[in-house]
């Protein structure tokens, strides 16, 4: 858990999260062309899963995984599979 979310727990990550609710992001998600994996808990009561669905529809390269039975932090249990997803995209990009 700490190795996955530790960097986001500092003041900078928390401030960025709060500002994202009320301020422009500084980019249009539709401009994102790189592969993007969005993972969201279907039972997240902090950030509704509808937000992830909205974002996935706007990013052309997005793939959305909804862990229906997971919440806001319990979704982190699947982090190993996210790393595999990233690795597979990297291998594709470099021709492995």
PDB file of N, CA and C in Angstrom:
ATOM      1  N   UNK A   1       0.832  -1.194   0.000  1.00  0.00           N
ATOM      2  CA  UNK A   1       0.000   0.000   0.000  1.00  0.00           C
ATOM      3  C   UNK A   1       0.869   1.248   0.000  1.00  0.00           C
ATOM      4  N   UNK A   2       1.782   1.340   0.927  1.00  0.00           N
ATOM      5  CA  UNK A   2       2.618   2.543   1.047  1.00  0.00           C
ATOM      6  C   UNK A   2       3.446   2.780  -0.209  1.00  0.00           C
ATOM      7  N   UNK A   3       3.964   1.709  -0.811  1.00  0.00           N
ATOM      8  CA  UNK A   3       4.789   1.895  -2.003  1.00  0.00           C
ATOM      9  C   UNK A   3       3.978   2.396  -3.195  1.00  0.00           C
ATOM     10  N   UNK A   4       2.685   2.119  -3.204  1.00  0.00           N
ATOM     11  CA  UNK A   4       1.827   2.550  -4.305  1.00  0.00           C
ATOM     12  C   UNK A   4       1.306   3.962  -4.072  1.00  0.00           C
ATOM     13  N   UNK A   5       0.824   4.244  -2.863  1.00  0.00           N
ATOM     14  CA  UNK A   5       0.199   5.549  -2.611  1.00  0.00           C
ATOM     15  C   UNK A   5       1.078   6.511  -1.834  1.00  0.00           C
ATOM     16  N   UNK A   6       2.193   6.054  -1.315  1.00  0.00           N
ATOM     17  CA  UNK A   6       3.059   6.906  -0.516  1.00  0.00           C
ATOM     18  C   UNK A   6       3.384   8.233  -1.161  1.00  0.00           C
ATOM     19  N   UNK A   7       3.819   8.239  -2.427  1.00  0.00           N
ATOM     20  CA  UNK A   7       4.155   9.519  -3.057  1.00  0.00           C
ATOM     21  C   UNK A   7       2.957  10.465  -3.161  1.00  0.00           C
ATOM     22  N   UNK A   8       1.754   9.951  -3.205  1.00  0.00           N
ATOM     23  CA  UNK A   8       0.563  10.802  -3.339  1.00  0.00           C
ATOM     24  C   UNK A   8       0.060  11.332  -1.995  1.00  0.00           C
ATOM     25  N   UNK A   9       0.595  10.813  -0.914  1.00  0.00           N
ATOM     26  CA  UNK A   9       0.091  11.206   0.401  1.00  0.00           C
ATOM     27  C   UNK A   9       0.701  12.501   0.928  1.00  0.00           C
ATOM     28  N   UNK A  10       1.726  12.986   0.274  1.00  0.00           N
ATOM     29  CA  UNK A  10       2.342  14.229   0.709  1.00  0.00           C
ATOM     30  C   UNK A  10       1.437  15.423   0.452  1.00  0.00           C
ATOM     31  N   UNK A  11       1.851  16.577   0.919  1.00  0.00           N
ATOM     32  CA  UNK A  11       1.041  17.792   0.782  1.00  0.00           C
ATOM     33  C   UNK A  11       0.767  18.128  -0.671  1.00  0.00           C
ATOM     34  N   UNK A  12       1.732  17.963  -1.541  1.00  0.00           N
ATOM     35  CA  UNK A  12       1.558  18.337  -2.942  1.00  0.00           C
ATOM     36  C   UNK A  12       0.436  17.526  -3.603  1.00  0.00           C
ATOM     37  N   UNK A  13       0.445  16.215  -3.416  1.00  0.00           N
ATOM     38  CA  UNK A  13      -0.601  15.374  -3.999  1.00  0.00           C
ATOM     39  C   UNK A  13      -1.974  15.696  -3.456  1.00  0.00           C
ATOM     40  N   UNK A  14      -2.059  15.928  -2.163  1.00  0.00           N
ATOM     41  CA  UNK A  14      -3.345  16.258  -1.544  1.00  0.00           C
ATOM     42  C   UNK A  14      -3.871  17.597  -2.042  1.00  0.00           C
ATOM     43  N   UNK A  15      -3.004  18.559  -2.162  1.00  0.00           N
ATOM     44  CA  UNK A  15      -3.408  19.875  -2.665  1.00  0.00           C
ATOM     45  C   UNK A  15      -3.877  19.761  -4.111  1.00  0.00           C
ATOM     46  N   UNK A  16      -3.127  19.048  -4.932  1.00  0.00           N
ATOM     47  CA  UNK A  16      -3.522  18.866  -6.323  1.00  0.00           C
ATOM     48  C   UNK A  16      -4.886  18.190  -6.433  1.00  0.00           C
ATOM     49  N   UNK A  17      -5.134  17.186  -5.603  1.00  0.00           N
ATOM     50  CA  UNK A  17      -6.436  16.508  -5.610  1.00  0.00           C
ATOM     51  C   UNK A  17      -7.565  17.473  -5.293  1.00  0.00           C
ATOM     52  N   UNK A  18      -7.382  18.281  -4.274  1.00  0.00           N
ATOM     53  CA  UNK A  18      -8.436  19.216  -3.879  1.00  0.00           C
ATOM     54  C   UNK A  18      -8.668  20.282  -4.944  1.00  0.00           C
ATOM     55  N   UNK A  19      -7.598  20.782  -5.530  1.00  0.00           N
ATOM     56  CA  UNK A  19      -7.738  21.798  -6.575  1.00  0.00           C
ATOM     57  C   UNK A  19      -8.425  21.242  -7.816  1.00  0.00           C
ATOM     58  N   UNK A  20      -8.234  19.981  -8.092  1.00  0.00           N
ATOM     59  CA  UNK A  20      -8.846  19.365  -9.276  1.00  0.00           C
ATOM     60  C   UNK A  20     -10.368  19.379  -9.204  1.00  0.00           C
ATOM     61  N   UNK A  21     -10.919  19.460  -8.005  1.00  0.00           N
ATOM     62  CA  UNK A  21     -12.375  19.531  -7.854  1.00  0.00           C
ATOM     63  C   UNK A  21     -12.939  20.881  -8.279  1.00  0.00           C
ATOM     64  N   UNK A  22     -12.140  21.936  -8.159  1.00  0.00           N
ATOM     65  CA  UNK A  22     -12.693  23.291  -8.307  1.00  0.00           C
ATOM     66  C   UNK A  22     -11.985  24.153  -9.347  1.00  0.00           C
ATOM     67  N   UNK A  23     -10.923  23.670  -9.944  1.00  0.00           N
ATOM     68  CA  UNK A  23     -10.153  24.500 -10.860  1.00  0.00           C
ATOM     69  C   UNK A  23      -9.905  23.752 -12.173  1.00  0.00           C
ATOM     70  N   UNK A  24      -9.581  24.508 -13.192  1.00  0.00           N
ATOM     71  CA  UNK A  24      -9.206  23.904 -14.474  1.00  0.00           C
ATOM     72  C   UNK A  24      -7.983  23.022 -14.277  1.00  0.00           C
ATOM     73  N   UNK A  25      -7.885  21.975 -15.049  1.00  0.00           N
ATOM     74  CA  UNK A  25      -6.780  21.040 -14.924  1.00  0.00           C
ATOM     75  C   UNK A  25      -5.532  21.504 -15.654  1.00  0.00           C
ATOM     76  N   UNK A  26      -5.662  22.454 -16.547  1.00  0.00           N
ATOM     77  CA  UNK A  26      -4.516  22.926 -17.308  1.00  0.00           C
ATOM     78  C   UNK A  26      -4.299  22.168 -18.605  1.00  0.00           C
ATOM     79  N   UNK A  27      -5.180  21.236 -18.921  1.00  0.00           N
ATOM     80  CA  UNK A  27      -5.135  20.498 -20.187  1.00  0.00           C
ATOM     81  C   UNK A  27      -6.525  19.940 -20.453  1.00  0.00           C
ATOM     82  N   UNK A  28      -6.768  19.580 -21.697  1.00  0.00           N
ATOM     83  CA  UNK A  28      -8.026  18.948 -22.078  1.00  0.00           C
ATOM     84  C   UNK A  28      -7.786  17.449 -22.143  1.00  0.00           C
ATOM     85  N   UNK A  29      -8.540  16.650 -21.399  1.00  0.00           N
ATOM     86  CA  UNK A  29      -8.336  15.201 -21.461  1.00  0.00           C
ATOM     87  C   UNK A  29      -8.424  14.640 -22.882  1.00  0.00           C
ATOM     88  N   UNK A  30      -9.153  15.298 -23.754  1.00  0.00           N
ATOM     89  CA  UNK A  30      -9.254  14.837 -25.139  1.00  0.00           C
ATOM     90  C   UNK A  30      -7.920  14.933 -25.874  1.00  0.00           C
ATOM     91  N   UNK A  31      -6.999  15.728 -25.364  1.00  0.00           N
ATOM     92  CA  UNK A  31      -5.675  15.867 -25.976  1.00  0.00           C
ATOM     93  C   UNK A  31      -4.722  14.735 -25.586  1.00  0.00           C
ATOM     94  N   UNK A  32      -5.099  13.909 -24.644  1.00  0.00           N
ATOM     95  CA  UNK A  32      -4.239  12.807 -24.196  1.00  0.00           C
ATOM     96  C   UNK A  32      -4.316  11.687 -25.231  1.00  0.00           C
ATOM     97  N   UNK A  33      -3.182  11.379 -25.833  1.00  0.00           N
ATOM     98  CA  UNK A  33      -3.148  10.341 -26.868  1.00  0.00           C
ATOM     99  C   UNK A  33      -2.385   9.092 -26.420  1.00  0.00           C
ATOM    100  N   UNK A  34      -1.653   9.192 -25.346  1.00  0.00           N
ATOM    101  CA  UNK A  34      -0.917   8.033 -24.829  1.00  0.00           C
ATOM    102  C   UNK A  34      -1.905   7.042 -24.215  1.00  0.00           C
ATOM    103  N   UNK A  35      -1.523   5.774 -24.166  1.00  0.00           N
ATOM    104  CA  UNK A  35      -2.379   4.808 -23.470  1.00  0.00           C
ATOM    105  C   UNK A  35      -2.541   5.209 -22.002  1.00  0.00           C
ATOM    106  N   UNK A  36      -3.758   5.113 -21.512  1.00  0.00           N
ATOM    107  CA  UNK A  36      -4.073   5.490 -20.138  1.00  0.00           C
ATOM    108  C   UNK A  36      -4.900   4.373 -19.519  1.00  0.00           C
ATOM    109  N   UNK A  37      -4.503   3.923 -18.342  1.00  0.00           N
ATOM    110  CA  UNK A  37      -5.299   2.949 -17.606  1.00  0.00           C
ATOM    111  C   UNK A  37      -5.951   3.677 -16.442  1.00  0.00           C
ATOM    112  N   UNK A  38      -7.273   3.653 -16.409  1.00  0.00           N
ATOM    113  CA  UNK A  38      -8.029   4.217 -15.294  1.00  0.00           C
ATOM    114  C   UNK A  38      -8.604   3.051 -14.507  1.00  0.00           C
ATOM    115  N   UNK A  39      -8.333   3.011 -13.217  1.00  0.00           N
ATOM    116  CA  UNK A  39      -8.827   1.951 -12.346  1.00  0.00           C
ATOM    117  C   UNK A  39      -9.659   2.598 -11.260  1.00  0.00           C
ATOM    118  N   UNK A  40     -10.874   2.105 -11.078  1.00  0.00           N
ATOM    119  CA  UNK A  40     -11.773   2.747 -10.126  1.00  0.00           C
ATOM    120  C   UNK A  40     -12.603   1.705  -9.404  1.00  0.00           C
ATOM    121  N   UNK A  41     -12.842   1.945  -8.131  1.00  0.00           N
ATOM    122  CA  UNK A  41     -13.708   1.067  -7.355  1.00  0.00           C
ATOM    123  C   UNK A  41     -15.169   1.406  -7.598  1.00  0.00           C
ATOM    124  N   UNK A  42     -15.956   0.396  -7.898  1.00  0.00           N
ATOM    125  CA  UNK A  42     -17.377   0.597  -8.136  1.00  0.00           C
ATOM    126  C   UNK A  42     -18.127   1.089  -6.917  1.00  0.00           C
ATOM    127  N   UNK A  43     -17.565   0.850  -5.731  1.00  0.00           N
ATOM    128  CA  UNK A  43     -18.198   1.289  -4.480  1.00  0.00           C
ATOM    129  C   UNK A  43     -17.455   2.459  -3.838  1.00  0.00           C
ATOM    130  N   UNK A  44     -16.712   3.187  -4.632  1.00  0.00           N
ATOM    131  CA  UNK A  44     -15.968   4.351  -4.133  1.00  0.00           C
ATOM    132  C   UNK A  44     -16.962   5.424  -3.703  1.00  0.00           C
ATOM    133  N   UNK A  45     -16.905   5.803  -2.437  1.00  0.00           N
ATOM    134  CA  UNK A  45     -17.801   6.841  -1.924  1.00  0.00           C
ATOM    135  C   UNK A  45     -17.091   8.186  -1.806  1.00  0.00           C
ATOM    136  N   UNK A  46     -15.810   8.241  -2.161  1.00  0.00           N
ATOM    137  CA  UNK A  46     -15.062   9.496  -2.146  1.00  0.00           C
ATOM    138  C   UNK A  46     -15.149  10.165  -3.514  1.00  0.00           C
ATOM    139  N   UNK A  47     -14.859   9.400  -4.554  1.00  0.00           N
ATOM    140  CA  UNK A  47     -14.957   9.887  -5.934  1.00  0.00           C
ATOM    141  C   UNK A  47     -15.867   8.915  -6.682  1.00  0.00           C
ATOM    142  N   UNK A  48     -17.028   9.350  -7.112  1.00  0.00           N
ATOM    143  CA  UNK A  48     -17.952   8.436  -7.793  1.00  0.00           C
ATOM    144  C   UNK A  48     -17.347   7.840  -9.066  1.00  0.00           C
ATOM    145  N   UNK A  49     -17.674   6.596  -9.332  1.00  0.00           N
ATOM    146  CA  UNK A  49     -17.168   5.901 -10.509  1.00  0.00           C
ATOM    147  C   UNK A  49     -17.587   6.613 -11.790  1.00  0.00           C
ATOM    148  N   UNK A  50     -18.645   7.371 -11.747  1.00  0.00           N
ATOM    149  CA  UNK A  50     -19.068   8.132 -12.918  1.00  0.00           C
ATOM    150  C   UNK A  50     -17.990   9.080 -13.410  1.00  0.00           C
ATOM    151  N   UNK A  51     -17.165   9.573 -12.496  1.00  0.00           N
ATOM    152  CA  UNK A  51     -16.072  10.460 -12.919  1.00  0.00           C
ATOM    153  C   UNK A  51     -15.065   9.696 -13.779  1.00  0.00           C
ATOM    154  N   UNK A  52     -14.734   8.496 -13.390  1.00  0.00           N
ATOM    155  CA  UNK A  52     -13.802   7.687 -14.180  1.00  0.00           C
ATOM    156  C   UNK A  52     -14.398   7.366 -15.547  1.00  0.00           C
ATOM    157  N   UNK A  53     -15.691   7.092 -15.584  1.00  0.00           N
ATOM    158  CA  UNK A  53     -16.346   6.827 -16.867  1.00  0.00           C
ATOM    159  C   UNK A  53     -16.314   8.067 -17.753  1.00  0.00           C
ATOM    160  N   UNK A  54     -16.569   9.222 -17.160  1.00  0.00           N
ATOM    161  CA  UNK A  54     -16.510  10.495 -17.893  1.00  0.00           C
ATOM    162  C   UNK A  54     -15.116  10.692 -18.484  1.00  0.00           C
ATOM    163  N   UNK A  55     -14.093  10.505 -17.660  1.00  0.00           N
ATOM    164  CA  UNK A  55     -12.716  10.703 -18.099  1.00  0.00           C
ATOM    165  C   UNK A  55     -12.339   9.705 -19.193  1.00  0.00           C
ATOM    166  N   UNK A  56     -12.744   8.459 -19.040  1.00  0.00           N
ATOM    167  CA  UNK A  56     -12.432   7.430 -20.042  1.00  0.00           C
ATOM    168  C   UNK A  56     -13.043   7.766 -21.395  1.00  0.00           C
ATOM    169  N   UNK A  57     -14.227   8.334 -21.388  1.00  0.00           N
ATOM    170  CA  UNK A  57     -14.861   8.709 -22.659  1.00  0.00           C
ATOM    171  C   UNK A  57     -14.113   9.849 -23.350  1.00  0.00           C
ATOM    172  N   UNK A  58     -13.397  10.648 -22.604  1.00  0.00           N
ATOM    173  CA  UNK A  58     -12.722  11.813 -23.163  1.00  0.00           C
ATOM    174  C   UNK A  58     -11.272  11.566 -23.579  1.00  0.00           C
ATOM    175  N   UNK A  59     -10.666  10.544 -23.057  1.00  0.00           N
ATOM    176  CA  UNK A  59      -9.275  10.218 -23.419  1.00  0.00           C
ATOM    177  C   UNK A  59      -9.294   9.089 -24.451  1.00  0.00           C
ATOM    178  N   UNK A  60      -8.857   9.407 -25.660  1.00  0.00           N
ATOM    179  CA  UNK A  60      -8.925   8.431 -26.753  1.00  0.00           C
ATOM    180  C   UNK A  60      -8.184   7.131 -26.437  1.00  0.00           C
ATOM    181  N   UNK A  61      -7.080   7.219 -25.716  1.00  0.00           N
ATOM    182  CA  UNK A  61      -6.281   6.033 -25.435  1.00  0.00           C
ATOM    183  C   UNK A  61      -6.590   5.387 -24.102  1.00  0.00           C
ATOM    184  N   UNK A  62      -7.736   5.726 -23.505  1.00  0.00           N
ATOM    185  CA  UNK A  62      -8.032   5.235 -22.153  1.00  0.00           C
ATOM    186  C   UNK A  62      -8.699   3.871 -22.152  1.00  0.00           C
ATOM    187  N   UNK A  63      -8.314   3.098 -21.170  1.00  0.00           N
ATOM    188  CA  UNK A  63      -8.971   1.829 -20.863  1.00  0.00           C
ATOM    189  C   UNK A  63      -9.419   1.932 -19.411  1.00  0.00           C
ATOM    190  N   UNK A  64     -10.670   1.637 -19.149  1.00  0.00           N
ATOM    191  CA  UNK A  64     -11.226   1.743 -17.795  1.00  0.00           C
ATOM    192  C   UNK A  64     -11.476   0.365 -17.225  1.00  0.00           C
ATOM    193  N   UNK A  65     -10.911   0.149 -16.043  1.00  0.00           N
ATOM    194  CA  UNK A  65     -11.184  -1.076 -15.286  1.00  0.00           C
ATOM    195  C   UNK A  65     -11.962  -0.664 -14.048  1.00  0.00           C
ATOM    196  N   UNK A  66     -13.168  -1.164 -13.907  1.00  0.00           N
ATOM    197  CA  UNK A  66     -13.957  -0.889 -12.720  1.00  0.00           C
ATOM    198  C   UNK A  66     -13.984  -2.161 -11.880  1.00  0.00           C
ATOM    199  N   UNK A  67     -13.451  -2.063 -10.662  1.00  0.00           N
ATOM    200  CA  UNK A  67     -13.502  -3.164  -9.697  1.00  0.00           C
ATOM    201  C   UNK A  67     -14.792  -2.954  -8.910  1.00  0.00           C
ATOM    202  N   UNK A  68     -15.859  -3.593  -9.349  1.00  0.00           N
ATOM    203  CA  UNK A  68     -17.210  -3.312  -8.857  1.00  0.00           C
ATOM    204  C   UNK A  68     -17.347  -3.409  -7.343  1.00  0.00           C
ATOM    205  N   UNK A  69     -16.652  -4.321  -6.707  1.00  0.00           N
ATOM    206  CA  UNK A  69     -16.811  -4.542  -5.264  1.00  0.00           C
ATOM    207  C   UNK A  69     -15.844  -3.735  -4.420  1.00  0.00           C
ATOM    208  N   UNK A  70     -14.987  -2.948  -5.050  1.00  0.00           N
ATOM    209  CA  UNK A  70     -13.963  -2.206  -4.316  1.00  0.00           C
ATOM    210  C   UNK A  70     -14.381  -0.764  -4.079  1.00  0.00           C
ATOM    211  N   UNK A  71     -13.729  -0.165  -3.070  1.00  0.00           N
ATOM    212  CA  UNK A  71     -13.987   1.220  -2.724  1.00  0.00           C
ATOM    213  C   UNK A  71     -12.864   2.120  -3.178  1.00  0.00           C
ATOM    214  N   UNK A  72     -12.638   3.183  -2.422  1.00  0.00           N
ATOM    215  CA  UNK A  72     -11.666   4.200  -2.809  1.00  0.00           C
ATOM    216  C   UNK A  72     -10.226   3.707  -2.682  1.00  0.00           C
ATOM    217  N   UNK A  73      -9.871   3.087  -1.597  1.00  0.00           N
ATOM    218  CA  UNK A  73      -8.496   2.603  -1.408  1.00  0.00           C
ATOM    219  C   UNK A  73      -8.363   1.102  -1.587  1.00  0.00           C
ATOM    220  N   UNK A  74      -9.436   0.357  -1.363  1.00  0.00           N
ATOM    221  CA  UNK A  74      -9.321  -1.095  -1.490  1.00  0.00           C
ATOM    222  C   UNK A  74      -9.022  -1.509  -2.929  1.00  0.00           C
ATOM    223  N   UNK A  75      -9.288  -0.644  -3.880  1.00  0.00           N
ATOM    224  CA  UNK A  75      -8.979  -0.934  -5.283  1.00  0.00           C
ATOM    225  C   UNK A  75      -7.474  -1.120  -5.487  1.00  0.00           C
ATOM    226  N   UNK A  76      -6.662  -0.614  -4.561  1.00  0.00           N
ATOM    227  CA  UNK A  76      -5.204  -0.725  -4.680  1.00  0.00           C
ATOM    228  C   UNK A  76      -4.698  -2.160  -4.608  1.00  0.00           C
ATOM    229  N   UNK A  77      -5.538  -3.073  -4.148  1.00  0.00           N
ATOM    230  CA  UNK A  77      -5.118  -4.477  -4.069  1.00  0.00           C
ATOM    231  C   UNK A  77      -4.767  -5.030  -5.448  1.00  0.00           C
ATOM    232  N   UNK A  78      -5.268  -4.417  -6.497  1.00  0.00           N
ATOM    233  CA  UNK A  78      -4.983  -4.896  -7.845  1.00  0.00           C
ATOM    234  C   UNK A  78      -3.795  -4.240  -8.508  1.00  0.00           C
ATOM    235  N   UNK A  79      -2.971  -3.551  -7.755  1.00  0.00           N
ATOM    236  CA  UNK A  79      -1.869  -2.767  -8.328  1.00  0.00           C
ATOM    237  C   UNK A  79      -0.918  -3.602  -9.184  1.00  0.00           C
ATOM    238  N   UNK A  80      -0.692  -4.840  -8.836  1.00  0.00           N
ATOM    239  CA  UNK A  80       0.235  -5.668  -9.626  1.00  0.00           C
ATOM    240  C   UNK A  80      -0.260  -5.823 -11.058  1.00  0.00           C
ATOM    241  N   UNK A  81      -1.570  -5.942 -11.246  1.00  0.00           N
ATOM    242  CA  UNK A  81      -2.090  -6.089 -12.604  1.00  0.00           C
ATOM    243  C   UNK A  81      -1.964  -4.783 -13.387  1.00  0.00           C
ATOM    244  N   UNK A  82      -1.972  -3.653 -12.695  1.00  0.00           N
ATOM    245  CA  UNK A  82      -1.779  -2.362 -13.373  1.00  0.00           C
ATOM    246  C   UNK A  82      -0.362  -2.274 -13.915  1.00  0.00           C
ATOM    247  N   UNK A  83       0.589  -2.738 -13.104  1.00  0.00           N
ATOM    248  CA  UNK A  83       1.981  -2.714 -13.537  1.00  0.00           C
ATOM    249  C   UNK A  83       2.145  -3.596 -14.781  1.00  0.00           C
ATOM    250  N   UNK A  84       1.484  -4.728 -14.805  1.00  0.00           N
ATOM    251  CA  UNK A  84       1.544  -5.607 -15.978  1.00  0.00           C
ATOM    252  C   UNK A  84       0.954  -4.911 -17.205  1.00  0.00           C
ATOM    253  N   UNK A  85      -0.130  -4.165 -17.026  1.00  0.00           N
ATOM    254  CA  UNK A  85      -0.742  -3.422 -18.129  1.00  0.00           C
ATOM    255  C   UNK A  85       0.257  -2.401 -18.684  1.00  0.00           C
ATOM    256  N   UNK A  86       0.895  -1.659 -17.787  1.00  0.00           N
ATOM    257  CA  UNK A  86       1.877  -0.660 -18.210  1.00  0.00           C
ATOM    258  C   UNK A  86       3.040  -1.341 -18.926  1.00  0.00           C
ATOM    259  N   UNK A  87       3.501  -2.440 -18.377  1.00  0.00           N
ATOM    260  CA  UNK A  87       4.630  -3.163 -18.983  1.00  0.00           C
ATOM    261  C   UNK A  87       4.288  -3.637 -20.384  1.00  0.00           C
ATOM    262  N   UNK A  88       3.073  -4.150 -20.571  1.00  0.00           N
ATOM    263  CA  UNK A  88       2.655  -4.621 -21.891  1.00  0.00           C
ATOM    264  C   UNK A  88       2.616  -3.475 -22.894  1.00  0.00           C
ATOM    265  N   UNK A  89       2.144  -2.321 -22.470  1.00  0.00           N
ATOM    266  CA  UNK A  89       2.112  -1.156 -23.375  1.00  0.00           C
ATOM    267  C   UNK A  89       3.523  -0.692 -23.702  1.00  0.00           C
ATOM    268  N   UNK A  90       4.407  -0.745 -22.724  1.00  0.00           N
ATOM    269  CA  UNK A  90       5.805  -0.366 -22.953  1.00  0.00           C
ATOM    270  C   UNK A  90       6.439  -1.323 -23.964  1.00  0.00           C
ATOM    271  N   UNK A  91       6.222  -2.622 -23.756  1.00  0.00           N
ATOM    272  CA  UNK A  91       6.785  -3.615 -24.665  1.00  0.00           C
ATOM    273  C   UNK A  91       6.277  -3.395 -26.094  1.00  0.00           C
ATOM    274  N   UNK A  92       5.004  -3.065 -26.243  1.00  0.00           N
ATOM    275  CA  UNK A  92       4.439  -2.785 -27.567  1.00  0.00           C
ATOM    276  C   UNK A  92       5.128  -1.573 -28.183  1.00  0.00           C
ATOM    277  N   UNK A  93       5.333  -0.535 -27.364  1.00  0.00           N
ATOM    278  CA  UNK A  93       5.904   0.713 -27.861  1.00  0.00           C
ATOM    279  C   UNK A  93       7.342   0.547 -28.334  1.00  0.00           C
ATOM    280  N   UNK A  94       8.089  -0.326 -27.674  1.00  0.00           N
ATOM    281  CA  UNK A  94       9.500  -0.507 -28.044  1.00  0.00           C
ATOM    282  C   UNK A  94       9.714  -1.738 -28.903  1.00  0.00           C
ATOM    283  N   UNK A  95       8.620  -2.400 -29.290  1.00  0.00           N
ATOM    284  CA  UNK A  95       8.719  -3.531 -30.211  1.00  0.00           C
ATOM    285  C   UNK A  95       9.198  -4.819 -29.607  1.00  0.00           C
ATOM    286  N   UNK A  96       8.893  -5.050 -28.353  1.00  0.00           N
ATOM    287  CA  UNK A  96       9.283  -6.319 -27.724  1.00  0.00           C
ATOM    288  C   UNK A  96       8.182  -7.334 -27.829  1.00  0.00           C
TER     289      UNK A  96
END
